[in-house]
Protein backbone atom coordinates (compact mmCIF):
# COMPACT_ATOMS: atom_id res chain seq x y z
CA MET A 1 73.08 128.91 81.05
CA SER A 2 74.66 126.89 84.05
CA SER A 3 72.72 124.03 83.73
CA ARG A 4 74.19 124.25 79.81
CA ASN A 5 77.39 124.17 81.63
CA GLU A 6 76.73 121.38 84.15
CA LEU A 7 75.30 119.09 81.34
CA VAL A 8 78.28 119.95 79.31
CA SER A 9 80.75 118.97 82.10
CA LYS A 10 78.93 116.17 82.78
CA ASN A 11 79.84 114.84 79.32
CA LEU A 12 83.12 115.96 79.59
CA LYS A 13 84.11 114.10 82.31
CA GLU A 14 82.20 110.92 80.74
CA GLU A 15 84.21 111.05 77.45
CA LEU A 16 87.40 111.17 79.51
CA GLU A 17 86.44 108.43 81.21
CA ARG A 18 85.74 106.48 78.17
CA LEU A 19 89.01 107.49 76.98
CA GLU A 20 90.96 106.29 80.35
CA ARG A 21 88.91 102.92 79.93
CA PHE A 22 91.96 102.61 76.74
CA SER A 23 94.40 100.04 78.96
CA ASP A 24 97.33 101.75 78.75
CA ILE A 25 95.98 105.81 79.20
CA ILE A 26 97.20 106.75 82.75
CA GLY A 27 94.97 110.00 82.88
CA THR A 28 93.70 112.62 80.67
CA ALA A 29 92.88 116.16 80.95
CA ILE A 30 91.22 118.57 79.08
CA VAL A 31 92.85 122.43 79.24
CA ASN A 32 92.48 126.20 77.83
CA ARG A 33 95.43 127.52 75.71
CA ASN A 34 95.87 128.94 78.71
CA GLY A 35 96.77 126.21 81.04
CA LEU A 36 93.87 126.77 83.00
CA LEU A 37 91.99 123.27 83.86
CA ILE A 38 88.40 122.43 83.02
CA SER A 39 88.28 118.72 83.11
CA SER A 40 90.81 115.84 84.52
CA ARG A 41 91.30 112.12 85.39
CA LEU A 42 94.97 112.51 86.25
CA PRO A 43 96.40 110.40 88.76
CA ARG A 44 96.29 111.61 92.60
CA ASP A 45 100.16 112.11 92.37
CA ILE A 46 99.61 114.29 89.97
CA ASP A 47 99.25 117.99 90.15
CA GLU A 48 96.12 118.89 87.82
CA ARG A 49 96.95 122.75 87.77
CA ARG A 50 101.01 122.39 87.05
CA PHE A 51 100.24 119.68 84.78
CA GLY A 52 97.74 121.56 82.68
CA ALA A 53 99.68 124.89 82.70
CA LEU A 54 103.16 122.98 81.59
CA ALA A 55 100.88 121.04 78.58
CA ALA A 56 99.41 124.52 77.19
CA THR A 57 102.66 125.99 77.48
CA MET A 58 104.68 123.55 75.78
CA PHE A 59 102.07 123.01 72.92
CA GLY A 60 102.26 127.08 72.48
CA ALA A 61 106.27 127.11 72.35
CA ILE A 62 105.99 124.96 69.74
CA GLU A 63 103.62 126.63 67.96
CA THR A 64 105.55 129.63 68.25
CA ALA A 65 108.84 128.06 67.23
CA THR A 66 107.32 126.13 64.32
CA SER A 67 105.34 129.49 63.22
CA SER A 68 107.61 130.07 60.13
CA LEU A 69 107.32 127.23 58.53
CA GLU A 70 104.79 127.09 55.38
CA SER A 71 102.25 124.03 57.12
CA ASN A 72 102.47 125.32 60.55
CA GLN A 73 99.34 123.28 62.03
CA ILE A 74 100.81 120.92 64.75
CA LYS A 75 98.70 118.19 65.11
CA ASN A 76 101.01 116.61 68.35
CA LEU A 77 103.02 117.19 70.82
CA THR A 78 104.59 113.81 71.89
CA VAL A 79 106.66 114.20 75.26
CA GLU A 80 108.75 111.36 76.41
CA TYR A 81 109.79 110.91 80.08
CA GLN A 82 111.59 107.98 81.32
CA ASP A 83 108.53 105.91 82.81
CA TYR A 84 105.69 107.44 80.69
CA GLN A 85 105.13 110.05 78.38
CA PHE A 86 101.73 112.02 77.18
CA VAL A 87 100.51 113.85 74.04
CA VAL A 88 98.90 117.03 73.56
CA VAL A 89 96.24 117.46 71.10
CA GLU A 90 94.20 120.79 69.95
CA VAL A 91 90.49 119.91 70.24
CA ASP A 92 89.84 123.55 68.78
CA PRO A 93 91.53 127.18 69.36
CA ASN A 94 91.13 127.33 72.41
CA THR A 95 91.20 123.99 73.99
CA ILE A 96 93.51 121.28 74.23
CA LEU A 97 93.40 117.45 75.33
CA VAL A 98 96.46 116.14 77.44
CA SER A 99 96.96 112.08 77.83
CA LEU A 100 99.03 110.64 79.83
CA PHE A 101 100.15 106.97 79.20
CA ASP A 102 102.87 103.70 79.52
CA LEU A 103 105.99 104.30 77.82
CA ASN A 104 105.93 101.51 75.61
CA VAL A 105 102.40 101.80 74.38
CA ASP A 106 101.15 101.31 70.58
CA LEU A 107 100.90 104.89 69.75
CA GLY A 108 98.69 104.44 66.66
CA LEU A 109 95.89 102.37 68.69
CA ILE A 110 96.76 105.78 71.23
CA PHE A 111 96.03 108.17 68.74
CA ILE A 112 92.96 106.37 66.78
CA GLU A 113 91.21 107.14 70.55
CA ILE A 114 92.34 110.48 70.52
CA GLU A 115 91.10 111.30 67.50
CA GLU A 116 87.50 110.15 68.02
CA PHE A 117 87.58 111.64 71.55
CA VAL A 118 88.24 114.92 70.02
CA THR A 119 85.45 114.18 67.37
CA ASN A 120 83.10 113.49 70.31
CA ILE A 121 84.38 116.71 72.54
CA LYS A 122 83.61 119.25 69.47
CA LYS A 123 80.50 117.62 69.16
CA ILE A 124 79.67 118.41 73.24
CA LYS A 125 81.23 121.69 73.23
CA GLN A 126 78.61 122.64 69.75
CA LYS A 127 75.75 121.60 71.38
C-alpha cells in the first residue's frame, strides 16, 4: 500500500511541476478540505501549512455562504492581493488545488491549464 501512496505522491509532484512551468504561475499546492497539505510547490517565503489552511477555510466559507443559492456548485474562488492573486479549485469532494500567480495574467489561459491539471489529478487518484 505504501508503494501505491509513493507512486501517487510522485505523480502529484510531477503534475505540480508541469503546471508550474506555465510562466505566470508562482506556485501550487494540493490541499485536503480540512486544510492539510498533500503536496506543494510554493515559494519558500510562503508558509505552506498556513496557506493551505487559509485556502481550504476560504473555499469552505464561500460554499457555506452560497449554499442557499439554487446552483451552489462553486467552480473556483479567486483572491486578489496587492502583488499577486490565487485561485482555489475543487479537484474532488475531498481535495482542492491552490495556484498562486502574478496579478496581471490572462486568467483564461490559467484556467485552461488548471482544468487540464484537475483532470490529470483525478486520473492519478483513481489509479
